[in-house]
Protein backbone atom coordinates (compact mmCIF):
# COMPACT_ATOMS: atom_id res chain seq x y z
CA MET A 1 0.68 -7.09 46.40
CA ILE A 2 -0.73 -4.07 48.03
CA ARG A 3 -4.46 -3.55 48.14
CA ILE A 4 -6.58 -0.37 48.21
CA ALA A 5 -7.68 -1.08 51.69
CA ASP A 6 -3.97 -1.04 52.62
CA PHE A 7 -3.63 2.77 52.06
CA PHE A 8 -6.46 3.41 54.97
CA PRO A 9 -4.85 2.22 58.34
CA ASP A 10 -7.48 4.45 60.05
CA THR A 11 -10.28 2.32 58.66
CA PRO A 12 -10.36 -0.76 60.87
CA PRO A 13 -10.16 -4.19 58.94
CA ASP A 14 -13.52 -5.24 60.26
CA ALA A 15 -15.08 -1.99 59.64
CA GLU A 16 -18.42 -2.15 57.71
CA PRO A 17 -18.17 -0.82 54.26
CA MET A 18 -19.60 2.79 53.60
CA ARG A 19 -23.33 2.42 52.95
CA THR A 20 -24.16 6.04 52.91
CA PHE A 21 -23.15 9.22 51.34
CA ASP A 22 -24.68 12.67 51.14
CA TRP A 23 -24.21 13.55 47.49
CA THR A 24 -26.38 16.71 47.90
CA ALA A 25 -24.21 18.19 50.61
CA SER A 26 -21.13 17.73 48.47
CA GLY A 27 -22.68 19.51 45.69
CA VAL A 28 -23.46 16.45 43.30
CA ALA A 29 -26.80 15.99 41.81
CA LEU A 30 -25.65 13.09 39.21
CA PRO A 31 -22.85 10.59 40.05
CA TYR A 32 -21.27 8.51 37.33
CA VAL A 33 -18.86 5.51 36.83
CA ILE A 34 -16.74 4.42 33.91
CA PHE A 35 -15.75 1.09 34.15
CA ILE A 36 -12.73 0.25 32.09
CA THR A 37 -10.46 -2.76 30.95
CA GLY A 38 -7.33 -0.81 30.26
CA ARG A 39 -5.75 0.23 27.27
CA CYS A 40 -8.93 0.91 25.93
CA GLY A 41 -8.79 4.67 25.27
CA SER A 42 -10.17 5.87 28.63
CA THR A 43 -7.46 8.15 29.49
CA LEU A 44 -8.15 10.35 26.28
CA LEU A 45 -11.87 9.91 26.83
CA THR A 46 -11.49 11.37 30.41
CA HIS A 47 -9.16 14.11 29.74
CA ILE A 48 -11.57 15.50 27.21
CA LEU A 49 -14.47 15.29 29.68
CA ALA A 50 -12.64 17.03 32.30
CA ALA A 51 -11.45 19.57 29.79
CA THR A 52 -15.37 20.50 29.15
CA GLY A 53 -16.05 21.38 33.00
CA LEU A 54 -19.33 19.87 32.53
CA CYS A 55 -18.97 16.54 34.40
CA GLY A 56 -16.11 16.76 36.96
CA ASP A 57 -12.75 14.96 36.45
CA PRO A 58 -13.58 11.31 36.11
CA ASP A 59 -9.91 10.13 37.03
CA GLU A 60 -8.71 6.85 38.42
CA PHE A 61 -9.17 7.55 42.11
CA PHE A 62 -9.12 3.90 43.27
CA ASN A 63 -5.89 3.22 41.46
CA GLU A 64 -3.07 2.51 43.92
CA GLU A 65 -0.65 5.15 42.30
CA ARG A 66 -3.29 7.68 42.39
CA ILE A 67 -4.37 6.91 45.86
CA ALA A 68 -0.82 7.25 47.22
CA GLU A 69 -0.50 10.62 45.67
CA LEU A 70 -3.68 11.91 47.20
CA VAL A 71 -3.28 10.45 50.48
CA GLU A 72 -0.13 11.94 50.84
CA LYS A 73 -1.48 15.28 49.80
CA TRP A 74 -4.66 15.38 52.04
CA GLY A 75 -3.53 13.13 54.96
CA ALA A 76 -6.90 11.28 54.48
CA THR A 77 -5.96 7.90 56.01
CA ASP A 78 -9.35 6.50 56.40
CA PHE A 79 -11.31 5.74 53.59
CA PRO A 80 -14.70 7.93 54.27
CA ALA A 81 -12.41 10.97 54.48
CA TYR A 82 -10.69 10.21 51.36
CA PHE A 83 -13.70 9.52 49.42
CA GLN A 84 -15.31 12.75 50.63
CA ASN A 85 -12.31 14.59 49.56
CA VAL A 86 -12.20 12.96 46.29
CA VAL A 87 -15.98 13.88 45.49
CA ARG A 88 -15.67 17.81 46.79
CA GLN A 89 -12.52 18.53 44.98
CA ASN A 90 -13.62 16.77 41.38
CA THR A 91 -16.90 17.88 41.11
CA SER A 92 -18.24 20.36 38.38
CA ASN A 93 -21.74 21.43 37.14
CA SER A 94 -23.15 19.24 39.73
CA ARG A 95 -21.59 15.91 38.57
CA PHE A 96 -19.01 13.55 39.76
CA GLY A 97 -17.39 10.69 38.17
CA PHE A 98 -14.74 8.41 38.21
CA GLU A 99 -13.07 5.49 36.11
CA ILE A 100 -12.22 1.86 37.41
CA ASP A 101 -11.18 -1.43 36.17
CA PRO A 102 -12.96 -4.58 37.25
CA PHE A 103 -10.41 -5.89 39.64
CA ARG A 104 -10.00 -2.70 41.57
CA PHE A 105 -13.67 -2.56 41.56
CA GLU A 106 -13.95 -5.86 43.32
CA GLN A 107 -11.33 -4.67 45.93
CA LEU A 108 -13.34 -1.31 46.51
CA GLY A 109 -16.06 -3.66 47.61
CA GLU A 110 -14.33 -4.12 50.79
CA LEU A 111 -14.62 -0.19 51.59
CA ILE A 112 -17.85 0.79 50.08
CA SER A 113 -21.11 -0.93 49.47
CA PHE A 114 -21.41 0.08 45.89
CA ALA A 115 -25.10 -0.72 45.33
CA ASP A 116 -25.89 1.84 48.10
CA ILE A 117 -23.72 4.70 47.44
CA PHE A 118 -24.25 4.28 43.46
CA PRO A 119 -27.51 2.97 43.10
CA ALA A 120 -28.57 1.47 39.74
CA ARG A 121 -31.50 4.48 39.80
CA GLY A 122 -29.98 7.90 40.19
CA CYS A 123 -26.48 7.11 38.76
CA VAL A 124 -25.23 6.69 35.24
CA PHE A 125 -22.90 3.71 34.22
CA PHE A 126 -20.42 3.46 31.12
CA TRP A 127 -18.56 0.32 30.30
CA MET A 128 -15.69 0.97 28.21
CA THR A 129 -13.92 -1.90 26.37
CA ARG A 130 -11.94 -2.59 23.22
CA ARG A 131 -13.03 -4.80 20.32
CA ASP A 132 -9.61 -5.69 19.45
CA ILE A 133 -8.62 -7.77 22.47
CA VAL A 134 -5.57 -9.01 20.72
CA SER A 135 -4.02 -5.50 20.00
CA GLN A 136 -5.16 -4.49 23.53
CA GLY A 137 -3.53 -7.35 25.05
CA TRP A 138 -0.37 -6.85 23.43
CA SER A 139 -0.49 -3.06 24.45
CA TYR A 140 -1.05 -3.73 28.03
CA ALA A 141 2.18 -6.30 27.85
CA LYS A 142 4.09 -3.69 26.30
CA ALA A 143 3.35 -0.96 28.94
CA LYS A 144 4.02 -3.33 31.85
CA LYS A 145 7.26 -4.52 30.40
CA THR A 146 8.72 -1.19 29.28
CA GLY A 147 7.21 1.10 31.73
CA LEU A 148 6.00 3.38 29.18
CA TRP A 149 2.26 4.07 29.82
CA GLN A 150 1.06 7.09 28.05
CA ARG A 151 2.48 9.70 25.99
CA PHE A 152 0.67 13.06 25.98
CA ALA A 153 0.02 15.79 23.29
CA ASP A 154 2.32 18.16 25.23
CA GLY A 155 5.17 16.01 25.18
CA SER A 156 5.05 14.81 28.48
CA GLU A 157 4.86 10.63 29.31
CA LYS A 158 3.86 8.50 32.04
CA ARG A 159 6.63 6.14 32.84
CA LEU A 160 6.97 3.79 35.85
CA HIS A 161 9.44 1.62 37.43
CA GLY A 162 12.74 2.85 35.79
CA SER A 163 11.65 2.62 32.26
CA SER A 164 13.91 3.83 29.50
CA GLN A 165 13.93 4.46 25.65
CA ASP A 166 15.90 1.22 25.38
CA LEU A 167 13.14 -0.92 26.90
CA GLU A 168 10.69 0.18 24.25
CA ASN A 169 11.96 -2.36 21.78
CA GLU A 170 11.61 -5.19 24.29
CA VAL A 171 10.10 -8.36 22.60
CA ILE A 172 6.66 -9.36 24.02
CA GLU A 173 6.67 -12.98 24.64
CA ASP A 174 3.61 -15.07 23.88
CA SER A 175 3.00 -15.92 27.44
CA GLU A 176 2.97 -12.35 28.52
CA TRP A 177 0.49 -11.64 25.47
CA TRP A 178 -1.81 -14.28 26.61
CA ARG A 179 -1.51 -13.49 30.06
CA GLU A 180 -3.29 -10.02 29.28
CA ILE A 181 -5.86 -11.29 27.03
CA ILE A 182 -6.94 -13.69 29.70
CA LEU A 183 -6.91 -11.24 32.23
CA MET A 184 -9.01 -8.89 29.90
CA LEU A 185 -11.50 -11.69 29.38
CA LYS A 186 -11.83 -12.24 33.10
CA ALA A 187 -12.14 -8.77 33.68
CA GLU A 188 -14.93 -8.45 31.16
CA ARG A 189 -16.81 -11.22 32.74
CA ILE A 190 -16.70 -9.73 36.16
CA MET A 191 -18.62 -6.77 34.72
CA GLU A 192 -21.12 -8.60 32.95
CA ASP A 193 -21.98 -10.87 35.64
CA TYR A 194 -22.24 -7.65 37.83
CA PHE A 195 -24.59 -5.81 35.30
CA VAL A 196 -26.87 -8.97 35.26
CA ALA A 197 -27.01 -9.12 38.81
CA THR A 198 -27.73 -5.76 39.83
CA GLY A 199 -30.05 -5.10 36.72
CA ILE A 200 -27.72 -2.29 35.22
CA THR A 201 -27.68 -1.50 31.78
CA PRO A 202 -24.62 0.48 30.92
CA TYR A 203 -23.73 2.86 28.20
CA ARG A 204 -21.40 0.74 26.22
CA LEU A 205 -18.29 2.38 24.71
CA ASP A 206 -15.07 1.13 23.20
CA TYR A 207 -11.89 2.27 21.59
CA GLU A 208 -12.96 1.89 18.18
CA MET A 209 -15.71 4.28 18.74
CA LEU A 210 -13.68 6.90 20.05
CA VAL A 211 -10.94 6.55 17.30
CA THR A 212 -13.50 6.95 14.57
CA ASP A 213 -15.68 9.43 15.75
CA ARG A 214 -14.25 11.11 18.90
CA HIS A 215 -16.36 14.00 18.82
CA ARG A 216 -19.72 12.33 18.47
CA THR A 217 -18.54 9.76 21.32
CA ILE A 218 -17.85 12.50 23.73
CA ILE A 219 -21.28 14.19 22.73
CA SER A 220 -23.04 10.86 23.54
CA VAL A 221 -21.56 10.76 27.04
CA LEU A 222 -22.33 14.15 28.04
CA LEU A 223 -25.87 13.59 26.78
CA ALA A 224 -26.02 10.50 28.80
CA LEU A 225 -24.95 12.79 31.88
CA SER A 226 -27.95 15.13 31.27
CA CYS A 227 -25.87 17.90 29.76
CA SER A 228 -28.09 20.16 27.49
CA PRO A 229 -27.16 20.54 23.83
CA ASP A 230 -26.35 24.41 24.60
CA GLU A 231 -23.96 23.35 27.37
CA ILE A 232 -22.26 20.98 25.19
CA ALA A 233 -22.07 23.55 22.37
CA ASN A 234 -20.66 26.03 24.49
CA HIS A 235 -18.24 23.80 26.38
CA LEU A 236 -16.90 21.29 23.90
CA GLY A 237 -14.03 22.53 21.84
CA PRO A 238 -12.89 21.21 18.35
CA PRO A 239 -11.41 17.76 18.51
CA PHE A 240 -7.82 17.90 20.07
CA ASP A 241 -5.42 15.24 20.73
CA HIS A 242 -4.87 15.21 24.60
CA THR A 243 -2.97 12.06 24.07
CA GLU A 244 -0.72 10.29 21.74
CA ARG A 245 -0.52 6.69 20.58
CA ASN A 246 2.39 5.01 21.82
CA ARG A 247 4.79 4.49 18.82
CA ASP A 248 4.85 0.81 18.47
CA ASP A 249 6.89 0.11 15.36
CA ASP A 250 6.92 -3.74 16.10
CA ARG A 251 3.24 -4.28 16.71
CA HIS A 252 2.00 -5.25 13.14
CA ARG A 253 4.59 -7.76 12.69
CA ALA A 254 4.26 -9.19 16.05
CA LEU A 255 0.47 -9.30 15.44
CA LEU A 256 0.84 -11.21 12.29
CA ALA A 257 3.13 -13.89 13.65
CA PHE A 258 0.77 -14.19 16.91
CA TYR A 259 -2.12 -14.79 14.64
CA ALA A 260 -0.46 -17.27 12.60
CA ARG A 261 0.64 -19.38 15.67
CA TYR A 262 -2.71 -19.22 17.71
CA ARG A 263 -5.45 -19.17 14.75
CA HIS A 264 -7.54 -21.71 16.36
CA GLU A 265 -7.55 -20.23 19.83
CA LEU A 266 -7.95 -16.59 18.75
CA LEU A 267 -11.13 -17.63 16.53
CA GLN A 268 -12.56 -19.17 19.68
CA VAL A 269 -11.87 -15.74 21.55
CA GLU A 270 -13.07 -13.48 18.95
CA GLY A 271 -16.18 -15.56 17.82
CA HIS A 272 -17.59 -16.58 21.38
CA ARG A 273 -16.05 -13.56 23.48
CA ASN A 274 -19.02 -13.46 25.73
CA ALA A 275 -19.45 -17.24 26.26
CA LEU A 276 -16.07 -18.12 26.67
CA ASP A 277 -14.94 -20.63 29.35
CA VAL A 278 -11.76 -18.48 30.08
CA GLU A 279 -10.23 -21.01 32.40
CA ALA A 280 -10.36 -23.72 29.92
CA LEU A 281 -8.85 -21.68 27.30
CA ARG A 282 -5.84 -20.92 29.83
CA GLN A 283 -5.43 -24.44 30.46
CA GLU A 284 -5.55 -25.55 26.76
CA LEU A 285 -2.76 -22.82 26.17
CA ASN A 286 -0.84 -24.09 28.95
CA ALA A 287 -0.96 -27.95 27.89
CA ARG A 288 -0.77 -27.36 24.16
CA TYR A 289 2.00 -24.55 24.19
CA ALA A 290 3.60 -24.96 27.57
CA LEU A 291 3.01 -21.24 27.95
CA MET A 292 2.38 -21.09 31.93
CA VAL A 293 -0.19 -18.59 31.48
């Protein structure tokens, strides 16, 4: 499995992680990070934020696919050069941000001393999840299996690994579904532990907030980034669907059957999500249902 560090052959394997960065020289007064768990609405959120021009373009710059694209474009084969290019070319209104999931965040620690570059004071942190973790797990499993990750309002799509229309009706097996739920739970634990260890109190966002009141959610993010009400009023347009929900005709029937089969385990997940022994749950699923999660 390729790791983030593999994209930067000119950064020696034994090199110390980056510990300093001159934000002022790069035109940044306020850096920020959006931690995400995936399939939580973050693509919609970041597209809207970028469109305002008030806070840079908070893309997934430390996702393998995006790194490969930008390394080829810039020829930046050592990490400090890549990081500097990312910041300078994606800053607006003196703000720079990016989104990252917990597992890539752990890998990023091989290249950057996160607490030094993004100190708890002087940066803004968001933590975006999805309350309905069962639907989130299904959505992730479906995207991985079919290769259809995103539909956009302009009619374009993000498709990977030879996906096709024929694959979109692929059945999601219970083991695939549970595997994603377990990964989400582990990802949440990584971030919650990090916030406690570093004293960070992130702004908490979720998919359901964005769906229920998109405009208010975006406003709250921009206010957290110290944008003024006048700036927001002048740059935030009327609500517009930058992305479309994937058309999953089989989801509701699949959800009903899944809940019926795993009522006991899902009660544990939904009732004790923040205190759950995730490894014990995984072992129970394997022993009781032979799922091999």
